[in-house]
Amino acid sequence: MADVFISYVEQDGEIARLIAANLESAGFSTWYYERDSVPGVSYLLQTGSAIESAKAVLVLISSQSLSSVQVTREVVRAHESAKHFLPVLVDVSHTEFQTRQPEWREAIGAATSVSISHRGIDVASQALQRGLLSLGVTPGSARFDKPSAPAAFIQPRAQRRSRLPLWIGIGAGVAVLAIVLGQRPAPVPKDQSPPQTSANGADITPANPPARPSSRPAPPPDVNRTACVFDPVSNIRERPSAASEILCKIETTRNIRITGRPSITNTGVWWPTDACGAAGFIAANQVHVDVPSCP
């Protein structure tokens, strides 16, 4: 059981990790999918169970999460479980969130939101801590246990004891097989060349044979994404800070290119762009990322 369940999309994963770290440093326990899920078990069952046992549900509301079916499932599940909501605005306004997701608006209700693009991660996290306390969620009020193996895979003690002779027989067979196989030369891994020998049997394998190229393709860089500047006039700044020098201004609604991952600072979230012909940054609350064309 955790104090806070964090609902988010993969694109907002770094923000989720930072908020979780800040809450945990204050003594609250958190559950988020990337860190706390276990392999093999249905993600629907895992998130559903985590929501049911949490004291409150924190929802990262961004231009990406507003179109997420999974986040919608989690919001509905939390509403049906009568959980307290902590809405966190990433790069959208409260009005935009309510307009684009009327279902979330009904589920979240009158819960007050906090914007990290305006207040920054640290200040927003402090506000979230005060909000949790006002809802009656105190640090350490929930006992956070990591998931254990399903009961179906845990055999009764008597049943395990009755199978002891069988395991002894299997162990003896494995030992005999190991002795037989020990007489064979060890197999050569696929990524290594077989040993080389001279005519008289001496080992002449090079000490550092050249490595074979990997067949796994490199992951694509997080560049050349498109964003719509929906609320001009918008400033492109030299650094990710509202106090930084303005490189140029976007005075009309249009698309720009995003050239990397967002920077998260105490003044908000900033996207890198080359809209001015040079490297710059634009505030996340001024753009919708991954929008093919502005309306």
Protein backbone atom coordinates (compact mmCIF):
# COMPACT_ATOMS: atom_id res chain seq x y z
CA MET A 1 0.00 0.00 0.00
CA ALA A 2 1.31 3.49 -0.90
CA ASP A 3 0.20 6.95 0.19
CA VAL A 4 0.09 8.28 -3.39
CA PHE A 5 -0.53 6.60 -6.76
CA ILE A 6 0.97 8.62 -9.65
CA SER A 7 -0.87 8.44 -12.98
CA TYR A 8 1.13 9.63 -16.00
CA VAL A 9 2.19 8.87 -19.57
CA GLU A 10 5.67 7.77 -20.61
CA GLN A 11 6.55 11.20 -22.02
CA ASP A 12 6.06 12.70 -18.53
CA GLY A 13 8.06 9.97 -16.79
CA GLU A 14 10.90 12.25 -15.70
CA ILE A 15 8.44 14.64 -14.04
CA ALA A 16 6.75 11.71 -12.28
CA ARG A 17 10.12 10.51 -10.94
CA LEU A 18 11.06 13.98 -9.64
CA ILE A 19 7.73 14.50 -7.89
CA ALA A 20 7.89 11.01 -6.39
CA ALA A 21 11.40 11.69 -5.09
CA ASN A 22 10.30 14.98 -3.49
CA LEU A 23 7.26 13.39 -1.84
CA GLU A 24 9.31 10.44 -0.58
CA SER A 25 11.94 12.77 0.86
CA ALA A 26 9.10 14.22 2.96
CA GLY A 27 8.11 10.76 4.18
CA PHE A 28 5.24 9.93 1.82
CA SER A 29 5.30 6.63 -0.07
CA THR A 30 4.46 6.62 -3.79
CA TRP A 31 3.63 4.05 -6.47
CA TYR A 32 4.31 4.64 -10.16
CA TYR A 33 4.32 2.08 -12.94
CA GLU A 34 7.85 2.39 -14.33
CA ARG A 35 9.47 1.62 -10.98
CA ASP A 36 6.94 -0.42 -9.00
CA SER A 37 5.29 -2.74 -11.54
CA VAL A 38 6.40 -6.37 -11.69
CA PRO A 39 6.89 -8.40 -14.91
CA GLY A 40 4.46 -11.09 -15.95
CA VAL A 41 1.41 -9.76 -14.12
CA SER A 42 -1.31 -7.85 -16.01
CA TYR A 43 -0.64 -4.12 -15.84
CA LEU A 44 -4.38 -3.56 -15.49
CA LEU A 45 -4.48 -5.68 -12.34
CA GLN A 46 -1.36 -4.01 -10.95
CA THR A 47 -2.50 -0.43 -11.48
CA GLY A 48 -6.02 -1.26 -10.30
CA SER A 49 -4.72 -2.81 -7.08
CA ALA A 50 -2.32 0.09 -6.48
CA ILE A 51 -5.13 2.65 -6.93
CA GLU A 52 -7.45 0.72 -4.59
CA SER A 53 -4.84 0.66 -1.83
CA ALA A 54 -3.56 4.25 -2.24
CA LYS A 55 -4.70 7.13 -0.05
CA ALA A 56 -4.67 9.64 -2.93
CA VAL A 57 -4.16 9.69 -6.70
CA LEU A 58 -1.87 12.25 -8.33
CA VAL A 59 -2.59 12.82 -12.04
CA LEU A 60 -0.01 14.46 -14.31
CA ILE A 61 -2.18 16.39 -16.78
CA SER A 62 -0.29 17.24 -19.97
CA SER A 63 -0.95 17.61 -23.67
CA GLN A 64 0.14 13.96 -24.03
CA SER A 65 -1.76 12.43 -21.10
CA LEU A 66 -5.06 14.09 -22.05
CA SER A 67 -5.30 11.70 -25.02
CA SER A 68 -4.14 8.61 -23.09
CA VAL A 69 -6.65 5.77 -22.78
CA GLN A 70 -4.71 4.21 -19.91
CA VAL A 71 -4.63 7.41 -17.84
CA THR A 72 -8.36 7.78 -18.44
CA ARG A 73 -8.85 4.24 -17.09
CA GLU A 74 -6.86 5.13 -13.99
CA VAL A 75 -8.80 8.38 -13.42
CA VAL A 76 -12.11 6.53 -13.71
CA ARG A 77 -10.91 3.75 -11.38
CA ALA A 78 -9.81 6.30 -8.80
CA HIS A 79 -13.15 8.11 -9.06
CA GLU A 80 -15.08 4.87 -8.60
CA SER A 81 -12.90 4.09 -5.57
CA ALA A 82 -13.66 7.53 -4.06
CA LYS A 83 -9.98 8.52 -3.93
CA HIS A 84 -8.69 12.02 -3.28
CA PHE A 85 -7.31 13.63 -6.46
CA LEU A 86 -4.18 15.77 -6.79
CA PRO A 87 -4.26 17.27 -10.33
CA VAL A 88 -0.84 18.50 -11.53
CA LEU A 89 -0.80 20.63 -14.71
CA VAL A 90 2.34 20.06 -16.79
CA ASP A 91 1.99 22.07 -19.98
CA VAL A 92 -1.74 22.87 -20.14
CA SER A 93 -4.02 25.28 -18.32
CA HIS A 94 -6.85 24.21 -16.02
CA THR A 95 -9.39 25.50 -18.53
CA GLU A 96 -7.79 23.60 -21.40
CA PHE A 97 -7.75 20.39 -19.34
CA GLN A 98 -11.46 20.72 -18.52
CA THR A 99 -12.34 21.50 -22.13
CA ARG A 100 -10.34 18.64 -23.70
CA GLN A 101 -11.28 16.01 -21.11
CA PRO A 102 -14.84 16.54 -19.77
CA GLU A 103 -14.77 12.96 -18.41
CA TRP A 104 -11.76 13.76 -16.24
CA ARG A 105 -13.45 17.01 -15.17
CA GLU A 106 -16.42 15.07 -13.84
CA ALA A 107 -14.21 12.50 -12.11
CA ILE A 108 -11.71 14.91 -10.54
CA GLY A 109 -14.44 17.36 -9.57
CA ALA A 110 -13.53 20.46 -7.60
CA ALA A 111 -10.02 19.35 -6.59
CA THR A 112 -7.63 22.31 -6.85
CA SER A 113 -4.81 21.85 -9.37
CA VAL A 114 -1.19 22.98 -9.20
CA SER A 115 0.86 23.98 -12.26
CA ILE A 116 4.53 23.01 -12.45
CA SER A 117 5.06 25.17 -15.55
CA HIS A 118 4.28 28.23 -13.45
CA ARG A 119 5.61 27.22 -10.02
CA GLY A 120 8.37 24.69 -10.79
CA ILE A 121 8.83 21.13 -9.55
CA ASP A 122 10.11 21.93 -6.06
CA VAL A 123 7.50 24.56 -5.18
CA ALA A 124 4.70 22.42 -6.65
CA SER A 125 5.92 19.42 -4.63
CA GLN A 126 5.77 21.46 -1.43
CA ALA A 127 2.19 22.47 -2.29
CA LEU A 128 1.34 18.80 -2.90
CA GLN A 129 2.72 17.88 0.52
CA ARG A 130 0.51 20.50 2.18
CA GLY A 131 -2.45 19.25 0.15
CA LEU A 132 -1.90 15.67 1.30
CA LEU A 133 -1.73 16.76 4.92
CA SER A 134 -4.96 18.74 4.55
CA LEU A 135 -6.63 15.60 3.15
CA GLY A 136 -5.56 13.64 6.20
CA VAL A 137 -2.76 11.75 4.45
CA THR A 138 0.23 11.82 6.78
CA PRO A 139 3.75 10.60 5.94
CA GLY A 140 4.02 6.89 6.52
CA SER A 141 0.27 6.42 7.07
CA ALA A 142 0.31 3.65 4.46
CA ARG A 143 2.54 0.59 4.73
CA PHE A 144 4.16 0.14 1.31
CA ASP A 145 4.84 -3.53 0.60
CA LYS A 146 6.42 -4.63 -2.67
CA PRO A 147 4.30 -7.14 -4.65
CA SER A 148 4.92 -10.75 -3.75
CA ALA A 149 4.40 -13.95 -5.72
CA PRO A 150 0.74 -14.92 -6.34
CA ALA A 151 -0.64 -17.41 -3.87
CA ALA A 152 -1.19 -19.97 -6.64
CA PHE A 153 2.58 -20.38 -6.96
CA ILE A 154 3.16 -20.99 -3.23
CA GLN A 155 2.79 -24.69 -2.38
CA PRO A 156 1.78 -25.95 1.06
CA ARG A 157 4.67 -27.23 3.18
CA ALA A 158 3.35 -30.79 3.33
CA GLN A 159 3.05 -30.92 -0.45
CA ARG A 160 6.66 -29.79 -0.89
CA ARG A 161 7.87 -32.40 1.64
CA SER A 162 6.04 -35.22 -0.12
CA ARG A 163 7.94 -34.46 -3.33
CA LEU A 164 11.38 -34.61 -1.71
CA PRO A 165 12.32 -38.08 -3.09
CA LEU A 166 11.41 -36.92 -6.57
CA TRP A 167 13.74 -33.93 -6.29
CA ILE A 168 16.55 -36.16 -4.97
CA GLY A 169 16.18 -38.41 -8.03
CA ILE A 170 16.19 -35.44 -10.37
CA GLY A 171 19.27 -34.02 -8.63
CA ALA A 172 21.15 -37.29 -9.04
CA GLY A 173 20.27 -37.40 -12.75
CA VAL A 174 21.48 -33.83 -13.23
CA ALA A 175 24.78 -34.67 -11.49
CA VAL A 176 25.40 -37.63 -13.82
CA LEU A 177 24.54 -35.52 -16.85
CA ALA A 178 26.95 -32.81 -15.69
CA ILE A 179 29.79 -35.36 -15.43
CA VAL A 180 29.11 -36.57 -18.98
CA LEU A 181 28.87 -33.08 -20.40
CA GLY A 182 32.02 -32.07 -18.54
CA GLN A 183 34.00 -34.22 -20.95
CA ARG A 184 32.84 -32.09 -23.89
CA PRO A 185 34.52 -28.86 -24.91
CA ALA A 186 32.70 -25.75 -23.73
CA PRO A 187 30.49 -24.19 -26.43
CA VAL A 188 31.69 -20.97 -28.01
CA PRO A 189 29.38 -17.99 -27.40
CA LYS A 190 27.76 -16.59 -30.52
CA ASP A 191 29.54 -13.29 -30.16
CA GLN A 192 33.03 -14.89 -30.01
CA SER A 193 35.20 -16.63 -32.58
CA PRO A 194 36.37 -20.22 -31.95
CA PRO A 195 39.92 -20.59 -30.61
CA GLN A 196 42.68 -20.70 -33.23
CA THR A 197 45.54 -23.21 -33.04
CA SER A 198 48.78 -23.71 -34.95
CA ALA A 199 49.90 -26.94 -36.64
CA ASN A 200 51.48 -28.19 -33.38
CA GLY A 201 48.34 -27.39 -31.38
CA ALA A 202 49.50 -24.13 -29.77
CA ASP A 203 46.81 -21.54 -29.02
CA ILE A 204 47.31 -18.55 -31.34
CA THR A 205 43.96 -16.83 -30.69
CA PRO A 206 44.43 -13.01 -30.65
CA ALA A 207 44.29 -11.55 -27.14
CA ASN A 208 41.75 -8.89 -28.18
CA PRO A 209 39.78 -10.10 -31.20
CA PRO A 210 37.74 -7.44 -32.97
CA ALA A 211 34.20 -7.11 -31.62
CA ARG A 212 31.38 -8.03 -33.92
CA PRO A 213 28.94 -5.23 -34.70
CA SER A 214 25.67 -5.37 -32.76
CA SER A 215 22.56 -6.28 -34.71
CA ARG A 216 20.38 -4.21 -32.37
CA PRO A 217 19.59 -0.78 -33.88
CA ALA A 218 20.38 2.29 -31.82
CA PRO A 219 17.34 4.02 -30.29
CA PRO A 220 16.11 7.02 -32.31
CA PRO A 221 17.06 10.43 -30.90
CA ASP A 222 14.33 12.51 -29.30
CA VAL A 223 14.52 15.24 -31.95
CA ASN A 224 12.59 16.62 -34.90
CA ARG A 225 9.28 16.56 -33.07
CA THR A 226 6.66 19.11 -34.05
CA ALA A 227 4.92 21.50 -31.68
CA CYS A 228 2.16 24.04 -32.19
CA VAL A 229 2.58 27.51 -30.66
CA PHE A 230 -1.07 27.98 -29.72
CA ASP A 231 -0.90 31.12 -27.59
CA PRO A 232 1.23 33.81 -29.24
CA VAL A 233 3.03 36.09 -28.56
CA SER A 234 5.52 33.50 -27.27
CA ASN A 235 9.16 34.18 -26.43
CA ILE A 236 12.05 31.93 -27.44
CA ARG A 237 14.76 32.35 -24.80
CA GLU A 238 18.46 31.62 -24.76
CA ARG A 239 18.22 29.35 -21.68
CA PRO A 240 15.34 27.52 -19.93
CA SER A 241 14.49 30.46 -17.68
CA ALA A 242 11.99 33.31 -17.80
CA ALA A 243 14.85 35.65 -16.85
CA SER A 244 16.99 34.60 -19.80
CA GLU A 245 17.59 36.74 -22.89
CA ILE A 246 14.86 36.62 -25.57
CA LEU A 247 16.19 35.36 -28.90
CA CYS A 248 13.03 36.02 -30.89
CA LYS A 249 9.25 36.13 -30.61
CA ILE A 250 6.64 33.84 -32.20
CA GLU A 251 3.84 36.27 -33.01
CA THR A 252 1.44 33.97 -34.89
CA THR A 253 -0.02 30.54 -34.30
CA ARG A 254 2.29 28.15 -36.15
CA ASN A 255 4.33 24.98 -35.89
CA ILE A 256 7.93 24.89 -34.70
CA ARG A 257 10.48 22.08 -34.42
CA ILE A 258 11.41 20.55 -31.06
CA THR A 259 15.07 19.51 -31.01
CA GLY A 260 15.42 17.45 -27.82
CA ARG A 261 14.05 16.46 -24.45
CA PRO A 262 12.38 18.98 -22.11
CA SER A 263 14.35 20.79 -19.42
CA ILE A 264 12.68 20.87 -16.01
CA THR A 265 13.76 23.78 -13.81
CA ASN A 266 12.38 25.63 -10.81
CA THR A 267 10.78 28.08 -13.24
CA GLY A 268 8.89 25.40 -15.16
CA VAL A 269 9.20 23.01 -18.09
CA TRP A 270 10.98 24.18 -21.26
CA TRP A 271 11.25 22.61 -24.71
CA PRO A 272 14.40 23.12 -26.83
CA THR A 273 13.76 24.51 -30.31
CA ASP A 274 15.59 26.07 -33.24
CA ALA A 275 12.66 28.28 -34.24
CA CYS A 276 14.91 31.36 -34.12
CA GLY A 277 17.61 29.81 -36.26
CA ALA A 278 19.70 29.05 -33.17
CA ALA A 279 19.32 26.86 -30.10
CA GLY A 280 16.70 28.25 -27.74
CA PHE A 281 13.89 27.29 -25.35
CA ILE A 282 10.15 27.86 -25.22
CA ALA A 283 7.91 27.43 -22.16
CA ALA A 284 5.91 24.19 -22.24
CA ASN A 285 2.66 25.99 -21.46
CA GLN A 286 2.97 27.87 -24.77
CA VAL A 287 3.02 24.82 -27.05
CA HIS A 288 1.27 21.56 -27.80
CA VAL A 289 3.92 18.95 -28.59
CA ASP A 290 3.48 16.26 -31.27
CA VAL A 291 0.69 18.19 -33.00
CA PRO A 292 1.16 17.73 -36.79
CA SER A 293 -0.36 21.12 -37.66
CA CYS A 294 -1.84 24.01 -35.77
CA PRO A 295 -5.63 24.34 -36.03
